[in-house]
PDB file of all heavy atoms in Angstrom:
ATOM      1  N   PHE A   1      86.274 100.799 126.391  1.00  0.00           N
ATOM      2  CA  PHE A   1      86.421  99.347 126.307  1.00  0.00           C
ATOM      3  C   PHE A   1      86.468  98.691 127.682  1.00  0.00           C
ATOM      4  O   PHE A   1      86.079  97.540 127.835  1.00  0.00           O
ATOM      5  CB  PHE A   1      87.653  98.985 125.478  1.00  0.00           C
ATOM      6  CG  PHE A   1      87.493  99.323 124.022  1.00  0.00           C
ATOM      7  CD1 PHE A   1      88.136 100.421 123.476  1.00  0.00           C
ATOM      8  CD2 PHE A   1      86.661  98.577 123.219  1.00  0.00           C
ATOM      9  CE1 PHE A   1      87.968 100.750 122.146  1.00  0.00           C
ATOM     10  CE2 PHE A   1      86.477  98.895 121.880  1.00  0.00           C
ATOM     11  CZ  PHE A   1      87.131  99.988 121.340  1.00  0.00           C
ATOM     12  N   THR A   2      86.918  99.425 128.686  1.00  0.00           N
ATOM     13  CA  THR A   2      86.860  98.911 130.056  1.00  0.00           C
ATOM     14  C   THR A   2      85.407  98.685 130.456  1.00  0.00           C
ATOM     15  O   THR A   2      85.057  97.655 131.052  1.00  0.00           O
ATOM     16  CB  THR A   2      87.525  99.900 131.028  1.00  0.00           C
ATOM     17  OG1 THR A   2      88.878 100.116 130.623  1.00  0.00           O
ATOM     18  CG2 THR A   2      87.504  99.347 132.453  1.00  0.00           C
ATOM     19  N   ILE A   3      84.554  99.650 130.101  1.00  0.00           N
ATOM     20  CA  ILE A   3      83.118  99.526 130.387  1.00  0.00           C
ATOM     21  C   ILE A   3      82.501  98.436 129.510  1.00  0.00           C
ATOM     22  O   ILE A   3      81.716  97.610 129.972  1.00  0.00           O
ATOM     23  CB  ILE A   3      82.400 100.876 130.132  1.00  0.00           C
ATOM     24  CG1 ILE A   3      83.009 101.974 130.995  1.00  0.00           C
ATOM     25  CG2 ILE A   3      80.903 100.756 130.386  1.00  0.00           C
ATOM     26  CD1 ILE A   3      82.527 103.370 130.631  1.00  0.00           C
ATOM     27  N   PHE A   4      82.896  98.430 128.242  1.00  0.00           N
ATOM     28  CA  PHE A   4      82.313  97.500 127.261  1.00  0.00           C
ATOM     29  C   PHE A   4      82.502  96.054 127.697  1.00  0.00           C
ATOM     30  O   PHE A   4      81.572  95.239 127.623  1.00  0.00           O
ATOM     31  CB  PHE A   4      82.955  97.731 125.889  1.00  0.00           C
ATOM     32  CG  PHE A   4      82.214  97.103 124.749  1.00  0.00           C
ATOM     33  CD1 PHE A   4      81.377  97.850 123.953  1.00  0.00           C
ATOM     34  CD2 PHE A   4      82.343  95.746 124.464  1.00  0.00           C
ATOM     35  CE1 PHE A   4      80.687  97.274 122.889  1.00  0.00           C
ATOM     36  CE2 PHE A   4      81.657  95.155 123.427  1.00  0.00           C
ATOM     37  CZ  PHE A   4      80.824  95.928 122.638  1.00  0.00           C
ATOM     38  N   LYS A   5      83.692  95.721 128.163  1.00  0.00           N
ATOM     39  CA  LYS A   5      83.994  94.328 128.525  1.00  0.00           C
ATOM     40  C   LYS A   5      83.169  93.833 129.703  1.00  0.00           C
ATOM     41  O   LYS A   5      82.988  92.628 129.868  1.00  0.00           O
ATOM     42  CB  LYS A   5      85.492  94.186 128.814  1.00  0.00           C
ATOM     43  CG  LYS A   5      86.352  94.208 127.555  1.00  0.00           C
ATOM     44  CD  LYS A   5      87.796  93.890 127.835  1.00  0.00           C
ATOM     45  CE  LYS A   5      88.507  95.044 128.489  1.00  0.00           C
ATOM     46  NZ  LYS A   5      89.968  94.787 128.619  1.00  0.00           N
ATOM     47  N   LYS A   6      82.639  94.766 130.502  1.00  0.00           N
ATOM     48  CA  LYS A   6      81.809  94.367 131.640  1.00  0.00           C
ATOM     49  C   LYS A   6      80.399  93.999 131.212  1.00  0.00           C
ATOM     50  O   LYS A   6      79.723  93.206 131.881  1.00  0.00           O
ATOM     51  CB  LYS A   6      81.747  95.505 132.670  1.00  0.00           C
ATOM     52  CG  LYS A   6      83.075  95.781 133.351  1.00  0.00           C
ATOM     53  CD  LYS A   6      82.946  96.949 134.324  1.00  0.00           C
ATOM     54  CE  LYS A   6      84.288  97.251 134.994  1.00  0.00           C
ATOM     55  NZ  LYS A   6      84.189  98.422 135.901  1.00  0.00           N
ATOM     56  N   ARG A   7      79.925  94.573 130.106  1.00  0.00           N
ATOM     57  CA  ARG A   7      78.538  94.360 129.677  1.00  0.00           C
ATOM     58  C   ARG A   7      78.402  93.620 128.353  1.00  0.00           C
ATOM     59  O   ARG A   7      77.317  93.167 128.014  1.00  0.00           O
ATOM     60  CB  ARG A   7      77.810  95.715 129.567  1.00  0.00           C
ATOM     61  CG  ARG A   7      77.798  96.537 130.838  1.00  0.00           C
ATOM     62  CD  ARG A   7      77.174  95.760 132.004  1.00  0.00           C
ATOM     63  NE  ARG A   7      75.838  95.294 131.720  1.00  0.00           N
ATOM     64  CZ  ARG A   7      74.728  95.989 131.955  1.00  0.00           C
ATOM     65  NH1 ARG A   7      74.805  97.198 132.501  1.00  0.00           N
ATOM     66  NH2 ARG A   7      73.546  95.494 131.684  1.00  0.00           N
ATOM     67  N   GLY A   8      79.500  93.553 127.598  1.00  0.00           N
ATOM     68  CA  GLY A   8      79.404  92.963 126.266  1.00  0.00           C
ATOM     69  C   GLY A   8      80.516  91.972 125.966  1.00  0.00           C
ATOM     70  O   GLY A   8      81.280  91.574 126.842  1.00  0.00           O
ATOM     71  N   VAL A   9      80.598  91.571 124.710  1.00  0.00           N
ATOM     72  CA  VAL A   9      81.587  90.591 124.239  1.00  0.00           C
ATOM     73  C   VAL A   9      82.561  91.290 123.303  1.00  0.00           C
ATOM     74  O   VAL A   9      82.159  91.899 122.310  1.00  0.00           O
ATOM     75  CB  VAL A   9      80.898  89.430 123.495  1.00  0.00           C
ATOM     76  CG1 VAL A   9      81.930  88.481 122.892  1.00  0.00           C
ATOM     77  CG2 VAL A   9      79.961  88.677 124.427  1.00  0.00           C
ATOM     78  N   LEU A  10      83.843  91.215 123.650  1.00  0.00           N
ATOM     79  CA  LEU A  10      84.914  91.751 122.814  1.00  0.00           C
ATOM     80  C   LEU A  10      85.621  90.550 122.196  1.00  0.00           C
ATOM     81  O   LEU A  10      86.283  89.791 122.901  1.00  0.00           O
ATOM     82  CB  LEU A  10      85.863  92.568 123.683  1.00  0.00           C
ATOM     83  CG  LEU A  10      86.823  93.543 123.006  1.00  0.00           C
ATOM     84  CD1 LEU A  10      86.065  94.645 122.290  1.00  0.00           C
ATOM     85  CD2 LEU A  10      87.774  94.136 124.037  1.00  0.00           C
ATOM     86  N   LEU A  11      85.454  90.350 120.889  1.00  0.00           N
ATOM     87  CA  LEU A  11      85.931  89.119 120.256  1.00  0.00           C
ATOM     88  C   LEU A  11      86.910  89.431 119.136  1.00  0.00           C
ATOM     89  O   LEU A  11      86.570  90.092 118.155  1.00  0.00           O
ATOM     90  CB  LEU A  11      84.747  88.321 119.699  1.00  0.00           C
ATOM     91  CG  LEU A  11      85.072  86.986 119.029  1.00  0.00           C
ATOM     92  CD1 LEU A  11      85.734  86.027 120.012  1.00  0.00           C
ATOM     93  CD2 LEU A  11      83.808  86.366 118.441  1.00  0.00           C
ATOM     94  N   LYS A  12      88.143  88.947 119.304  1.00  0.00           N
ATOM     95  CA  LYS A  12      89.184  89.142 118.290  1.00  0.00           C
ATOM     96  C   LYS A  12      89.250  87.919 117.381  1.00  0.00           C
ATOM     97  O   LYS A  12      89.337  86.788 117.852  1.00  0.00           O
ATOM     98  CB  LYS A  12      90.537  89.366 118.961  1.00  0.00           C
ATOM     99  CG  LYS A  12      91.659  89.701 117.985  1.00  0.00           C
ATOM    100  CD  LYS A  12      92.958  89.965 118.727  1.00  0.00           C
ATOM    101  CE  LYS A  12      94.055  90.395 117.759  1.00  0.00           C
ATOM    102  NZ  LYS A  12      95.347  90.631 118.450  1.00  0.00           N
ATOM    103  N   LEU A  13      89.242  88.162 116.064  1.00  0.00           N
ATOM    104  CA  LEU A  13      89.248  87.067 115.090  1.00  0.00           C
ATOM    105  C   LEU A  13      90.385  87.279 114.104  1.00  0.00           C
ATOM    106  O   LEU A  13      90.221  87.912 113.063  1.00  0.00           O
ATOM    107  CB  LEU A  13      87.896  87.006 114.357  1.00  0.00           C
ATOM    108  CG  LEU A  13      86.688  86.693 115.250  1.00  0.00           C
ATOM    109  CD1 LEU A  13      85.394  86.885 114.487  1.00  0.00           C
ATOM    110  CD2 LEU A  13      86.783  85.280 115.805  1.00  0.00           C
ATOM    111  N   ASP A  14      91.545  86.760 114.436  1.00  0.00           N
ATOM    112  CA  ASP A  14      92.708  86.837 113.569  1.00  0.00           C
ATOM    113  C   ASP A  14      92.885  85.510 112.841  1.00  0.00           C
ATOM    114  O   ASP A  14      92.286  84.501 113.221  1.00  0.00           O
ATOM    115  CB  ASP A  14      93.958  87.155 114.399  1.00  0.00           C
ATOM    116  CG  ASP A  14      94.084  88.656 114.682  1.00  0.00           C
ATOM    117  OD1 ASP A  14      93.461  89.435 113.939  1.00  0.00           O
ATOM    118  OD2 ASP A  14      94.803  89.022 115.622  1.00  0.00           O
ATOM    119  N   PRO A  15      93.688  85.482 111.772  1.00  0.00           N
ATOM    120  CA  PRO A  15      93.917  84.217 111.059  1.00  0.00           C
ATOM    121  C   PRO A  15      94.402  83.115 111.995  1.00  0.00           C
ATOM    122  O   PRO A  15      95.155  83.370 112.937  1.00  0.00           O
ATOM    123  CB  PRO A  15      94.993  84.594 110.030  1.00  0.00           C
ATOM    124  CG  PRO A  15      94.788  86.054 109.796  1.00  0.00           C
ATOM    125  CD  PRO A  15      94.369  86.616 111.120  1.00  0.00           C
ATOM    126  N   LEU A  16      93.949  81.897 111.737  1.00  0.00           N
ATOM    127  CA  LEU A  16      94.350  80.760 112.562  1.00  0.00           C
ATOM    128  C   LEU A  16      95.812  80.398 112.301  1.00  0.00           C
ATOM    129  O   LEU A  16      96.311  80.534 111.177  1.00  0.00           O
ATOM    130  CB  LEU A  16      93.478  79.544 112.256  1.00  0.00           C
ATOM    131  CG  LEU A  16      91.976  79.671 112.513  1.00  0.00           C
ATOM    132  CD1 LEU A  16      91.292  78.339 112.206  1.00  0.00           C
ATOM    133  CD2 LEU A  16      91.677  80.111 113.929  1.00  0.00           C
ATOM    134  N   ALA A  17      96.478  79.939 113.346  1.00  0.00           N
ATOM    135  CA  ALA A  17      97.812  79.364 113.163  1.00  0.00           C
ATOM    136  C   ALA A  17      97.667  78.025 112.444  1.00  0.00           C
ATOM    137  O   ALA A  17      96.608  77.383 112.510  1.00  0.00           O
ATOM    138  CB  ALA A  17      98.482  79.162 114.522  1.00  0.00           C
ATOM    139  N   GLU A  18      98.712  77.610 111.749  1.00  0.00           N
ATOM    140  CA  GLU A  18      98.638  76.370 110.967  1.00  0.00           C
ATOM    141  C   GLU A  18      98.230  75.177 111.830  1.00  0.00           C
ATOM    142  O   GLU A  18      97.482  74.311 111.391  1.00  0.00           O
ATOM    143  CB  GLU A  18      99.979  76.099 110.287  1.00  0.00           C
ATOM    144  CG  GLU A  18     100.252  77.032 109.121  1.00  0.00           C
ATOM    145  CD  GLU A  18     101.549  76.679 108.399  1.00  0.00           C
ATOM    146  OE1 GLU A  18     102.138  75.623 108.717  1.00  0.00           O
ATOM    147  OE2 GLU A  18     101.959  77.455 107.524  1.00  0.00           O
ATOM    148  N   ARG A  19      98.720  75.138 113.070  1.00  0.00           N
ATOM    149  CA  ARG A  19      98.407  73.988 113.932  1.00  0.00           C
ATOM    150  C   ARG A  19      96.934  73.960 114.333  1.00  0.00           C
ATOM    151  O   ARG A  19      96.432  72.930 114.795  1.00  0.00           O
ATOM    152  CB  ARG A  19      99.284  74.023 115.186  1.00  0.00           C
ATOM    153  CG  ARG A  19      99.006  75.188 116.111  1.00  0.00           C
ATOM    154  CD  ARG A  19      99.899  75.167 117.340  1.00  0.00           C
ATOM    155  NE  ARG A  19      99.626  76.281 118.232  1.00  0.00           N
ATOM    156  CZ  ARG A  19     100.087  77.500 118.094  1.00  0.00           C
ATOM    157  NH1 ARG A  19     100.891  77.766 117.067  1.00  0.00           N
ATOM    158  NH2 ARG A  19      99.785  78.452 118.940  1.00  0.00           N
ATOM    159  N   GLN A  20      96.215  75.097 114.179  1.00  0.00           N
ATOM    160  CA  GLN A  20      94.799  75.159 114.535  1.00  0.00           C
ATOM    161  C   GLN A  20      93.884  74.736 113.389  1.00  0.00           C
ATOM    162  O   GLN A  20      92.702  74.478 113.610  1.00  0.00           O
ATOM    163  CB  GLN A  20      94.421  76.585 114.957  1.00  0.00           C
ATOM    164  CG  GLN A  20      95.103  77.076 116.210  1.00  0.00           C
ATOM    165  CD  GLN A  20      94.770  78.533 116.477  1.00  0.00           C
ATOM    166  OE1 GLN A  20      95.163  79.422 115.729  1.00  0.00           O
ATOM    167  NE2 GLN A  20      94.024  78.789 117.541  1.00  0.00           N
ATOM    168  N   VAL A  21      94.424  74.680 112.179  1.00  0.00           N
ATOM    169  CA  VAL A  21      93.575  74.453 111.009  1.00  0.00           C
ATOM    170  C   VAL A  21      92.910  73.073 111.016  1.00  0.00           C
ATOM    171  O   VAL A  21      91.714  72.966 110.713  1.00  0.00           O
ATOM    172  CB  VAL A  21      94.370  74.693 109.711  1.00  0.00           C
ATOM    173  CG1 VAL A  21      93.515  74.372 108.480  1.00  0.00           C
ATOM    174  CG2 VAL A  21      94.837  76.147 109.644  1.00  0.00           C
ATOM    175  N   PRO A  22      93.614  71.968 111.356  1.00  0.00           N
ATOM    176  CA  PRO A  22      92.918  70.676 111.380  1.00  0.00           C
ATOM    177  C   PRO A  22      91.704  70.672 112.303  1.00  0.00           C
ATOM    178  O   PRO A  22      90.666  70.075 111.978  1.00  0.00           O
ATOM    179  CB  PRO A  22      93.999  69.699 111.871  1.00  0.00           C
ATOM    180  CG  PRO A  22      95.280  70.325 111.450  1.00  0.00           C
ATOM    181  CD  PRO A  22      95.064  71.804 111.622  1.00  0.00           C
ATOM    182  N   ALA A  23      91.812  71.336 113.459  1.00  0.00           N
ATOM    183  CA  ALA A  23      90.668  71.391 114.375  1.00  0.00           C
ATOM    184  C   ALA A  23      89.524  72.196 113.769  1.00  0.00           C
ATOM    185  O   ALA A  23      88.354  71.886 114.000  1.00  0.00           O
ATOM    186  CB  ALA A  23      91.089  71.989 115.715  1.00  0.00           C
ATOM    187  N   PHE A  24      89.849  73.210 112.976  1.00  0.00           N
ATOM    188  CA  PHE A  24      88.805  73.967 112.279  1.00  0.00           C
ATOM    189  C   PHE A  24      88.106  73.073 111.256  1.00  0.00           C
ATOM    190  O   PHE A  24      86.878  73.135 111.095  1.00  0.00           O
ATOM    191  CB  PHE A  24      89.403  75.196 111.582  1.00  0.00           C
ATOM    192  CG  PHE A  24      88.394  76.044 110.857  1.00  0.00           C
ATOM    193  CD1 PHE A  24      87.650  76.979 111.542  1.00  0.00           C
ATOM    194  CD2 PHE A  24      88.188  75.887 109.500  1.00  0.00           C
ATOM    195  CE1 PHE A  24      86.703  77.760 110.877  1.00  0.00           C
ATOM    196  CE2 PHE A  24      87.254  76.655 108.828  1.00  0.00           C
ATOM    197  CZ  PHE A  24      86.511  77.598 109.516  1.00  0.00           C
ATOM    198  N   VAL A  25      88.873  72.234 110.573  1.00  0.00           N
ATOM    199  CA  VAL A  25      88.284  71.274 109.614  1.00  0.00           C
ATOM    200  C   VAL A  25      87.311  70.355 110.350  1.00  0.00           C
ATOM    201  O   VAL A  25      86.191  70.111 109.881  1.00  0.00           O
ATOM    202  CB  VAL A  25      89.385  70.453 108.919  1.00  0.00           C
ATOM    203  CG1 VAL A  25      88.762  69.388 108.009  1.00  0.00           C
ATOM    204  CG2 VAL A  25      90.307  71.356 108.109  1.00  0.00           C
ATOM    205  N   LEU A  26      87.735  69.841 111.504  1.00  0.00           N
ATOM    206  CA  LEU A  26      86.872  68.957 112.291  1.00  0.00           C
ATOM    207  C   LEU A  26      85.599  69.680 112.727  1.00  0.00           C
ATOM    208  O   LEU A  26      84.502  69.109 112.700  1.00  0.00           O
ATOM    209  CB  LEU A  26      87.617  68.443 113.520  1.00  0.00           C
ATOM    210  CG  LEU A  26      88.779  67.475 113.259  1.00  0.00           C
ATOM    211  CD1 LEU A  26      89.504  67.170 114.559  1.00  0.00           C
ATOM    212  CD2 LEU A  26      88.273  66.193 112.616  1.00  0.00           C
TER     213      LEU A  26
END
């Protein structure tokens, strides 16, 4: 993963916090 992060995209997608949901609606 040290090598991976230099050449690629490591993207974590966890559930949104409640305060983030209105912005997701927008």
